[in-house]
């Protein structure tokens, strides 16, 4: 391993833009200018941001209604944990398919297909059938996996001079989708005569609208050369690459525990559905600020070890406090805000070290792909274990221990991933 050069990957905008950027998505130079007209460029930007909005409601809308679903269907805690885990698992399992689909059909058309399947999967949840609910969750998760991989690459490709602005809007839109679904799903359910299936299916409407908006642009797009001519060797055998991957996976496990189980945990402690959903929404919205602030700070530091540990401690302490600590008298809002600061910072830090530990953009792209495929698969164990522990013990006290263990793991691998070294991998001509 070698010490990274300050000039090699010193652009903070790349920290977020590299998210799942892959060799099969061409660099910006290969497609300039694809959208020379200012109006079409604005439409493209708005479309990408709105697509991002649809990538998180599937997770947070389900969690706030989980008590109603379990009560109405007799779903056990173990089955509920599988239901919350399935879409997260699909994020890891189906992420590697995105570059192959983009090479075959083009990134724009692949995103259109993703939106159609996402809308269909979300709408299927309205049938009220438990088997269909599992099928729909898997379909939606697979669709979101493709969007996670392709969207940041399109942003970077089509907005090379405004990448920082667009990635900021992209991040905020992701958080807005998660926060909106967490805060509005229960009120929507009450408006629909307490129908949890219709409340879940309601989140297919934004996906349908943006699919109709995106279709003319996707179908009119011209396919670009889909391979950069480079590959990366040695990455999967490198210890540092695995430390980065496990750091990404464990912080993601904490994040999806929040998406999948924080609202049910708070409701089991006496909060009503609206307040519990709002607490999750507050936590998610606080993630926006730290997602934007952490990368520039991390780039200026000699290494990121202390940052990674500090953020893990904040996220876990606040999450444990909401699980077993005081939540009345305004405490829950303090914990929700702190948890959002820590969790959003952890995500940004995980994306940052992908870039800082990579000797060039091609290695960073492959390291991002590796950390997503393996990391999200690992992350799926988080919400799964929360449900299983609740089913075995009948309370969430054991869940608090799980959160602490996940935090210790994230901090430990964050120390390894935060060291000022580079992965021992190299880019070669394919």
Protein backbone atom coordinates (compact mmCIF):
# COMPACT_ATOMS: atom_id res chain seq x y z
CA UNK A 1 0.00 0.00 0.00
CA UNK A 2 1.18 3.55 -0.71
CA UNK A 3 0.36 6.98 0.58
CA UNK A 4 -2.22 8.76 -1.61
CA UNK A 5 -1.20 11.79 -3.59
CA UNK A 6 -3.21 14.94 -2.76
CA UNK A 7 -3.65 15.62 -6.46
CA UNK A 8 -4.79 12.17 -7.47
CA UNK A 9 -8.39 12.30 -6.31
CA UNK A 10 -8.81 15.66 -4.61
CA UNK A 11 -12.18 16.78 -5.94
CA UNK A 12 -14.83 16.56 -3.17
CA UNK A 13 -17.58 16.37 -5.78
CA UNK A 14 -16.18 13.01 -6.87
CA UNK A 15 -16.81 11.61 -3.41
CA UNK A 16 -20.53 11.46 -4.03
CA UNK A 17 -20.44 11.17 -7.81
CA UNK A 18 -18.36 7.99 -7.64
CA UNK A 19 -21.25 6.16 -5.94
CA UNK A 20 -21.50 3.03 -8.07
CA UNK A 21 -19.75 4.71 -11.00
CA UNK A 22 -18.53 1.86 -13.17
CA UNK A 23 -16.38 1.37 -16.24
CA UNK A 24 -19.47 0.55 -18.30
CA UNK A 25 -20.72 4.10 -17.81
CA UNK A 26 -18.67 6.35 -20.10
CA UNK A 27 -16.73 9.35 -18.81
CA UNK A 28 -18.12 12.83 -19.29
CA UNK A 29 -15.83 13.59 -22.23
CA UNK A 30 -17.41 10.79 -24.26
CA UNK A 31 -20.83 12.41 -24.26
CA UNK A 32 -20.33 16.18 -24.29
CA UNK A 33 -22.60 17.83 -25.14
CA UNK A 34 -25.49 15.37 -25.10
CA UNK A 35 -28.06 17.94 -24.01
CA UNK A 36 -26.96 21.30 -25.47
CA UNK A 37 -30.38 22.93 -25.07
CA UNK A 38 -30.77 24.65 -21.69
CA UNK A 39 -34.43 23.67 -21.34
CA UNK A 40 -33.70 20.00 -22.02
CA UNK A 41 -30.75 20.18 -19.63
CA UNK A 42 -33.01 21.55 -16.88
CA UNK A 43 -35.59 18.86 -17.64
CA UNK A 44 -32.89 16.19 -17.47
CA UNK A 45 -31.62 17.52 -14.13
CA UNK A 46 -35.11 17.68 -12.66
CA UNK A 47 -35.85 14.16 -13.89
CA UNK A 48 -32.74 12.66 -12.31
CA UNK A 49 -33.47 14.39 -9.01
CA UNK A 50 -37.08 13.15 -9.05
CA UNK A 51 -35.96 9.62 -9.88
CA UNK A 52 -33.74 9.76 -6.81
CA UNK A 53 -36.77 10.75 -4.72
CA UNK A 54 -38.35 7.38 -5.55
CA UNK A 55 -35.42 5.24 -4.38
CA UNK A 56 -36.22 5.24 -0.64
CA UNK A 57 -40.01 5.38 0.08
CA UNK A 58 -40.28 1.58 -0.27
CA UNK A 59 -38.19 1.17 2.88
CA UNK A 60 -39.55 3.85 5.22
CA UNK A 61 -43.22 3.57 4.22
CA UNK A 62 -43.28 -0.11 5.17
CA UNK A 63 -41.63 0.37 8.56
CA UNK A 64 -44.12 2.92 9.91
CA UNK A 65 -47.03 0.58 9.11
CA UNK A 66 -45.37 -2.63 10.27
CA UNK A 67 -47.42 -2.87 13.50
CA UNK A 68 -50.68 -2.58 11.51
CA UNK A 69 -49.50 -5.16 8.99
CA UNK A 70 -48.50 -7.61 11.73
CA UNK A 71 -51.79 -7.09 13.57
CA UNK A 72 -53.97 -7.43 10.47
CA UNK A 73 -52.21 -10.44 8.95
CA UNK A 74 -50.78 -12.27 11.94
CA UNK A 75 -47.28 -11.82 10.56
CA UNK A 76 -44.68 -12.92 13.12
CA UNK A 77 -41.66 -10.87 14.14
CA UNK A 78 -39.43 -13.29 12.25
CA UNK A 79 -41.49 -12.95 9.06
CA UNK A 80 -41.62 -9.18 9.51
CA UNK A 81 -37.83 -9.13 9.76
CA UNK A 82 -37.62 -11.04 6.48
CA UNK A 83 -40.01 -8.58 4.88
CA UNK A 84 -37.89 -5.58 5.91
CA UNK A 85 -34.67 -7.40 4.98
CA UNK A 86 -35.66 -8.58 1.50
CA UNK A 87 -35.43 -5.25 -0.38
CA UNK A 88 -32.11 -4.43 1.32
CA UNK A 89 -30.72 -7.82 0.31
CA UNK A 90 -31.81 -7.15 -3.26
CA UNK A 91 -29.75 -3.95 -3.27
CA UNK A 92 -26.63 -6.04 -2.99
CA UNK A 93 -27.69 -9.01 -5.10
CA UNK A 94 -28.92 -7.03 -8.11
CA UNK A 95 -26.41 -4.15 -8.14
CA UNK A 96 -23.97 -6.12 -10.36
CA UNK A 97 -26.69 -6.48 -13.03
CA UNK A 98 -26.89 -2.73 -13.62
CA UNK A 99 -23.73 -2.36 -15.75
CA UNK A 100 -24.69 -5.36 -17.88
CA UNK A 101 -28.16 -3.94 -18.48
CA UNK A 102 -26.69 -0.52 -19.27
CA UNK A 103 -24.33 -2.04 -21.84
CA UNK A 104 -27.20 -3.92 -23.47
CA UNK A 105 -29.94 -1.29 -23.45
CA UNK A 106 -28.27 2.00 -22.53
CA UNK A 107 -28.33 3.66 -19.11
CA UNK A 108 -31.36 5.83 -19.87
CA UNK A 109 -33.57 3.00 -21.08
CA UNK A 110 -32.43 0.81 -18.20
CA UNK A 111 -33.50 3.52 -15.76
CA UNK A 112 -36.88 3.71 -17.47
CA UNK A 113 -37.36 -0.03 -17.06
CA UNK A 114 -36.30 0.32 -13.43
CA UNK A 115 -38.98 2.97 -12.84
CA UNK A 116 -41.68 0.83 -14.43
CA UNK A 117 -40.75 -2.18 -12.30
CA UNK A 118 -40.47 -0.02 -9.18
CA UNK A 119 -43.94 1.43 -9.77
CA UNK A 120 -45.33 -2.06 -10.41
CA UNK A 121 -43.69 -3.50 -7.28
CA UNK A 122 -44.88 -0.63 -5.12
CA UNK A 123 -48.42 -0.85 -6.50
CA UNK A 124 -48.53 -4.63 -5.91
CA UNK A 125 -48.22 -3.97 -2.19
CA UNK A 126 -51.76 -2.61 -2.38
CA UNK A 127 -53.18 -6.10 -2.92
CA UNK A 128 -52.94 -6.84 0.80
CA UNK A 129 -51.60 -10.34 0.21
CA UNK A 130 -48.57 -11.37 2.27
CA UNK A 131 -47.01 -13.50 -0.52
CA UNK A 132 -47.50 -10.61 -2.95
CA UNK A 133 -46.06 -8.22 -0.38
CA UNK A 134 -42.84 -10.25 -0.32
CA UNK A 135 -42.73 -10.50 -4.12
CA UNK A 136 -43.42 -6.78 -4.49
CA UNK A 137 -40.73 -5.86 -1.95
CA UNK A 138 -38.17 -7.97 -3.78
CA UNK A 139 -39.13 -6.49 -7.14
CA UNK A 140 -38.90 -2.96 -5.78
CA UNK A 141 -35.55 -3.67 -4.11
CA UNK A 142 -34.08 -5.09 -7.32
CA UNK A 143 -35.26 -2.02 -9.23
CA UNK A 144 -33.77 0.35 -6.68
CA UNK A 145 -30.44 -1.52 -6.85
CA UNK A 146 -30.20 -0.63 -10.54
CA UNK A 147 -31.08 2.99 -9.86
CA UNK A 148 -28.48 3.21 -7.09
CA UNK A 149 -25.78 2.14 -9.51
CA UNK A 150 -26.70 4.12 -12.62
CA UNK A 151 -28.04 7.44 -11.38
CA UNK A 152 -24.83 8.96 -9.95
CA UNK A 153 -22.94 8.00 -13.09
CA UNK A 154 -25.50 9.79 -15.27
CA UNK A 155 -25.31 12.85 -13.05
CA UNK A 156 -21.54 12.94 -13.37
CA UNK A 157 -21.64 12.27 -17.12
CA UNK A 158 -24.28 14.83 -18.11
CA UNK A 159 -23.41 17.56 -15.59
CA UNK A 160 -19.59 17.55 -15.53
CA UNK A 161 -19.38 21.24 -14.61
CA UNK A 162 -22.19 21.13 -12.03
CA UNK A 163 -21.51 17.80 -10.40
CA UNK A 164 -21.31 19.17 -6.85
CA UNK A 165 -24.65 20.98 -7.19
CA UNK A 166 -26.39 18.04 -8.82
CA UNK A 167 -25.06 15.50 -6.32
CA UNK A 168 -26.19 17.79 -3.51
CA UNK A 169 -29.68 17.85 -5.01
CA UNK A 170 -29.49 14.09 -5.59
CA UNK A 171 -28.62 13.45 -1.93
CA UNK A 172 -31.32 15.79 -0.67
CA UNK A 173 -33.89 14.14 -2.93
CA UNK A 174 -32.97 10.68 -1.61
CA UNK A 175 -33.43 11.91 1.95
CA UNK A 176 -36.62 13.77 1.07
CA UNK A 177 -38.12 10.58 -0.35
CA UNK A 178 -37.27 8.59 2.76
CA UNK A 179 -38.39 11.36 5.13
CA UNK A 180 -41.60 12.03 3.22
CA UNK A 181 -42.61 8.39 3.23
CA UNK A 182 -41.80 8.06 6.94
CA UNK A 183 -43.80 11.14 7.88
CA UNK A 184 -46.75 10.90 5.50
CA UNK A 185 -47.59 7.20 5.19
CA UNK A 186 -49.58 6.96 8.43
CA UNK A 187 -51.62 10.13 7.67
CA UNK A 188 -52.28 8.73 4.17
CA UNK A 189 -53.46 5.48 5.74
CA UNK A 190 -55.92 7.37 7.94
CA UNK A 191 -57.20 9.30 4.91
CA UNK A 192 -57.78 5.98 3.12
CA UNK A 193 -60.01 4.53 5.87
CA UNK A 194 -57.13 2.88 7.72
CA UNK A 195 -56.15 0.79 4.71
CA UNK A 196 -52.48 -0.11 5.04
CA UNK A 197 -52.34 -1.79 1.58
CA UNK A 198 -53.58 1.36 -0.16
CA UNK A 199 -51.23 3.54 1.90
CA UNK A 200 -48.27 1.44 0.76
CA UNK A 201 -49.46 1.39 -2.84
CA UNK A 202 -49.90 5.16 -2.85
CA UNK A 203 -46.12 5.55 -3.18
CA UNK A 204 -46.31 4.06 -6.67
CA UNK A 205 -47.87 7.33 -7.89
CA UNK A 206 -44.64 9.40 -7.76
CA UNK A 207 -42.83 6.59 -9.58
CA UNK A 208 -45.53 6.50 -12.29
CA UNK A 209 -45.38 10.28 -12.75
CA UNK A 210 -41.60 10.38 -13.13
CA UNK A 211 -41.67 7.32 -15.42
CA UNK A 212 -44.02 9.23 -17.75
CA UNK A 213 -41.75 12.26 -17.50
CA UNK A 214 -38.59 10.24 -18.14
CA UNK A 215 -39.90 8.03 -20.97
CA UNK A 216 -39.59 10.59 -23.84
CA UNK A 217 -36.04 11.46 -22.78
CA UNK A 218 -34.97 7.83 -22.37
CA UNK A 219 -36.47 6.64 -25.64
CA UNK A 220 -35.00 9.57 -27.57
CA UNK A 221 -31.49 9.15 -26.17
CA UNK A 222 -28.69 7.82 -28.34
CA UNK A 223 -26.63 4.98 -27.00
CA UNK A 224 -23.01 5.74 -26.19
CA UNK A 225 -19.94 3.55 -26.18
CA UNK A 226 -20.55 1.47 -23.12
CA UNK A 227 -17.06 0.36 -22.13
CA UNK A 228 -14.06 2.46 -21.20
CA UNK A 229 -11.54 -0.18 -22.24
CA UNK A 230 -10.11 -0.64 -18.74
CA UNK A 231 -10.38 -3.19 -15.98
CA UNK A 232 -8.98 -3.41 -12.44
CA UNK A 233 -6.84 -6.23 -11.06
CA UNK A 234 -6.05 -7.21 -7.48
CA UNK A 235 -8.92 -5.43 -5.76
CA UNK A 236 -10.75 -8.44 -4.33
CA UNK A 237 -7.53 -9.77 -2.79
CA UNK A 238 -6.67 -6.52 -1.03
CA UNK A 239 -7.14 -6.23 2.74
CA UNK A 240 -7.82 -2.48 2.66
CA UNK A 241 -10.51 -2.93 0.00
CA UNK A 242 -12.30 -5.35 2.32
CA UNK A 243 -12.00 -2.92 5.22
CA UNK A 244 -13.65 -0.23 3.09
CA UNK A 245 -16.33 -2.72 2.02
CA UNK A 246 -17.15 -3.84 5.57
CA UNK A 247 -17.21 -0.22 6.73
CA UNK A 248 -19.77 0.51 4.03
CA UNK A 249 -21.77 -2.62 4.86
CA UNK A 250 -21.94 -2.13 8.62
CA UNK A 251 -22.88 1.54 8.47
CA UNK A 252 -25.54 0.57 5.92
CA UNK A 253 -26.81 -2.11 8.31
CA UNK A 254 -27.38 0.61 10.92
CA UNK A 255 -29.08 2.81 8.33
CA UNK A 256 -31.54 0.12 7.25
CA UNK A 257 -32.27 -0.78 10.86
CA UNK A 258 -33.42 2.84 11.18
CA UNK A 259 -35.47 2.65 7.96
CA UNK A 260 -36.96 -0.73 8.78
CA UNK A 261 -37.42 -0.81 12.55
CA UNK A 262 -37.03 2.57 14.27
CA UNK A 263 -40.71 3.46 13.87
CA UNK A 264 -41.95 0.08 15.20
CA UNK A 265 -39.50 0.37 18.12
CA UNK A 266 -40.80 3.82 19.02
CA UNK A 267 -44.40 2.68 18.67
CA UNK A 268 -43.73 -0.26 20.97
CA UNK A 269 -42.58 2.31 23.52
CA UNK A 270 -45.88 4.21 23.42
CA UNK A 271 -45.54 6.72 20.58
CA UNK A 272 -48.40 6.89 18.09
CA UNK A 273 -47.82 6.13 14.44
CA UNK A 274 -47.71 9.74 13.26
CA UNK A 275 -45.13 10.79 15.86
CA UNK A 276 -42.98 7.71 15.30
CA UNK A 277 -42.98 8.33 11.55
CA UNK A 278 -42.11 11.96 12.13
CA UNK A 279 -39.17 10.95 14.34
CA UNK A 280 -37.78 8.81 11.53
CA UNK A 281 -38.38 11.69 9.13
CA UNK A 282 -36.44 14.08 11.38
CA UNK A 283 -33.56 11.62 11.59
CA UNK A 284 -33.41 11.26 7.81
CA UNK A 285 -33.57 15.01 7.15
CA UNK A 286 -30.66 15.65 9.51
CA UNK A 287 -28.65 13.30 7.32
CA UNK A 288 -28.75 15.84 4.49
CA UNK A 289 -26.54 18.39 6.22
CA UNK A 290 -23.85 15.93 7.24
CA UNK A 291 -23.90 14.24 3.83
CA UNK A 292 -22.89 17.61 2.40
CA UNK A 293 -20.50 18.72 5.16
CA UNK A 294 -18.48 15.60 5.92
CA UNK A 295 -16.71 15.07 2.54
CA UNK A 296 -14.94 18.47 2.42
CA UNK A 297 -13.85 18.09 6.06
CA UNK A 298 -12.63 14.53 5.49
CA UNK A 299 -10.58 15.57 2.45
CA UNK A 300 -8.74 18.17 4.53
CA UNK A 301 -7.79 15.71 7.28
CA UNK A 302 -4.58 13.69 7.30
CA UNK A 303 -6.67 10.56 7.61
CA UNK A 304 -10.30 9.76 8.44
CA UNK A 305 -9.95 7.34 11.37
CA UNK A 306 -11.17 9.68 14.12
CA UNK A 307 -13.99 11.03 11.93
CA UNK A 308 -15.27 7.53 11.23
CA UNK A 309 -15.17 6.51 14.90
CA UNK A 310 -16.77 9.76 16.10
CA UNK A 311 -19.67 9.46 13.65
CA UNK A 312 -20.24 5.80 14.53
CA UNK A 313 -20.40 6.68 18.24
CA UNK A 314 -22.93 9.47 17.68
CA UNK A 315 -25.15 7.32 15.46
CA UNK A 316 -25.17 4.35 17.83
CA UNK A 317 -25.56 6.29 21.09
CA UNK A 318 -28.59 8.13 19.70
CA UNK A 319 -30.11 4.94 18.25
CA UNK A 320 -29.66 3.05 21.53
CA UNK A 321 -31.17 5.99 23.42
CA UNK A 322 -34.28 5.86 21.23
CA UNK A 323 -34.47 2.10 21.81
CA UNK A 324 -34.08 1.93 25.60
CA UNK A 325 -33.45 5.49 26.82
CA UNK A 326 -35.76 8.42 27.63
CA UNK A 327 -37.96 9.56 24.74
CA UNK A 328 -40.59 11.70 26.46
CA UNK A 329 -40.37 15.44 27.06
CA UNK A 330 -38.69 16.17 23.73
CA UNK A 331 -35.82 13.71 24.19
CA UNK A 332 -36.84 11.69 21.15
CA UNK A 333 -36.35 14.70 18.85
CA UNK A 334 -32.86 15.30 20.22
CA UNK A 335 -31.94 11.65 19.70
CA UNK A 336 -33.48 11.64 16.20
CA UNK A 337 -31.48 14.68 15.17
CA UNK A 338 -28.22 13.30 16.58
CA UNK A 339 -28.81 9.93 14.97
CA UNK A 340 -29.35 11.63 11.63
CA UNK A 341 -26.12 13.59 12.02
CA UNK A 342 -24.15 10.45 12.81
CA UNK A 343 -25.83 8.24 10.20
CA UNK A 344 -25.63 10.77 7.39
CA UNK A 345 -22.01 11.43 8.27
CA UNK A 346 -21.22 7.71 8.22
CA UNK A 347 -22.67 7.33 4.72
CA UNK A 348 -20.70 10.32 3.46
CA UNK A 349 -17.54 9.04 5.17
CA UNK A 350 -17.98 5.61 3.60
CA UNK A 351 -18.28 7.20 0.16
CA UNK A 352 -15.30 9.44 0.89
CA UNK A 353 -12.90 6.63 1.77
CA UNK A 354 -13.79 4.83 -1.46
CA UNK A 355 -12.24 7.73 -3.33
CA UNK A 356 -9.38 8.48 -0.95
CA UNK A 357 -8.22 4.86 -0.80
CA UNK A 358 -8.20 4.52 -4.61
CA UNK A 359 -5.21 5.40 -6.81
CA UNK A 360 -7.37 6.39 -9.78
CA UNK A 361 -11.01 6.80 -10.83
CA UNK A 362 -11.23 3.31 -12.37
CA UNK A 363 -10.17 1.65 -9.13
CA UNK A 364 -12.59 3.91 -7.24
CA UNK A 365 -15.40 2.81 -9.56
CA UNK A 366 -14.69 -0.88 -9.01
CA UNK A 367 -14.21 -0.40 -5.26
CA UNK A 368 -17.59 1.35 -5.15
CA UNK A 369 -19.20 -1.54 -7.02
CA UNK A 370 -17.55 -4.07 -4.67
CA UNK A 371 -18.60 -2.19 -1.55
CA UNK A 372 -22.20 -1.96 -2.77
CA UNK A 373 -22.59 -5.57 -3.87
CA UNK A 374 -21.02 -7.02 -0.72
CA UNK A 375 -21.91 -4.17 1.63
CA UNK A 376 -25.64 -4.11 0.96
CA UNK A 377 -25.81 -7.89 1.21
CA UNK A 378 -24.13 -7.60 4.61
CA UNK A 379 -26.41 -4.69 5.53
CA UNK A 380 -29.46 -6.91 5.06
CA UNK A 381 -28.50 -8.82 8.21
CA UNK A 382 -29.18 -5.72 10.33
CA UNK A 383 -32.97 -5.46 9.98
CA UNK A 384 -33.20 -9.26 9.84
CA UNK A 385 -31.54 -9.62 13.25
CA UNK A 386 -33.69 -6.85 14.78
CA UNK A 387 -36.86 -8.76 13.95
CA UNK A 388 -35.46 -12.11 15.01
CA UNK A 389 -34.22 -10.74 18.34
CA UNK A 390 -37.59 -9.15 19.03
CA UNK A 391 -39.34 -12.42 18.23
CA UNK A 392 -37.02 -14.43 20.48
CA UNK A 393 -36.97 -12.05 23.47
CA UNK A 394 -40.29 -10.20 23.18
CA UNK A 395 -38.61 -6.81 23.67
CA UNK A 396 -36.10 -4.53 21.98
CA UNK A 397 -33.48 -4.56 24.75
CA UNK A 398 -31.45 -7.15 22.84
CA UNK A 399 -31.80 -4.93 19.78
CA UNK A 400 -29.90 -2.20 21.61
CA UNK A 401 -27.03 -4.65 22.10
CA UNK A 402 -27.12 -5.44 18.37
CA UNK A 403 -26.88 -1.71 17.56
CA UNK A 404 -23.84 -1.40 19.82
CA UNK A 405 -22.15 -4.39 18.16
CA UNK A 406 -22.85 -2.99 14.68
CA UNK A 407 -21.45 0.35 15.80
CA UNK A 408 -18.30 -1.26 17.18
CA UNK A 409 -17.86 -3.13 13.90
CA UNK A 410 -18.40 0.02 11.83
CA UNK A 411 -15.93 1.98 13.98
CA UNK A 412 -13.33 -0.81 13.83
CA UNK A 413 -13.46 -1.15 10.05
CA UNK A 414 -13.70 2.65 9.84
CA UNK A 415 -10.30 2.83 11.53
CA UNK A 416 -8.84 0.49 8.92
CA UNK A 417 -10.58 2.21 6.02
CA UNK A 418 -9.60 5.64 7.33
CA UNK A 419 -5.82 5.09 7.21
CA UNK A 420 -3.98 7.24 4.67
CA UNK A 421 -3.01 4.40 2.31
CA UNK A 422 -4.13 3.16 -1.07
CA UNK A 423 -5.57 -0.19 -2.07
CA UNK A 424 -3.11 -2.49 -3.81
CA UNK A 425 -4.98 -2.66 -7.12
CA UNK A 426 -4.11 -1.42 -10.57
CA UNK A 427 -5.93 -0.36 -13.71
CA UNK A 428 -5.02 -2.22 -16.91
CA UNK A 429 -6.27 -2.11 -20.46
CA UNK A 430 -9.08 -4.59 -21.03
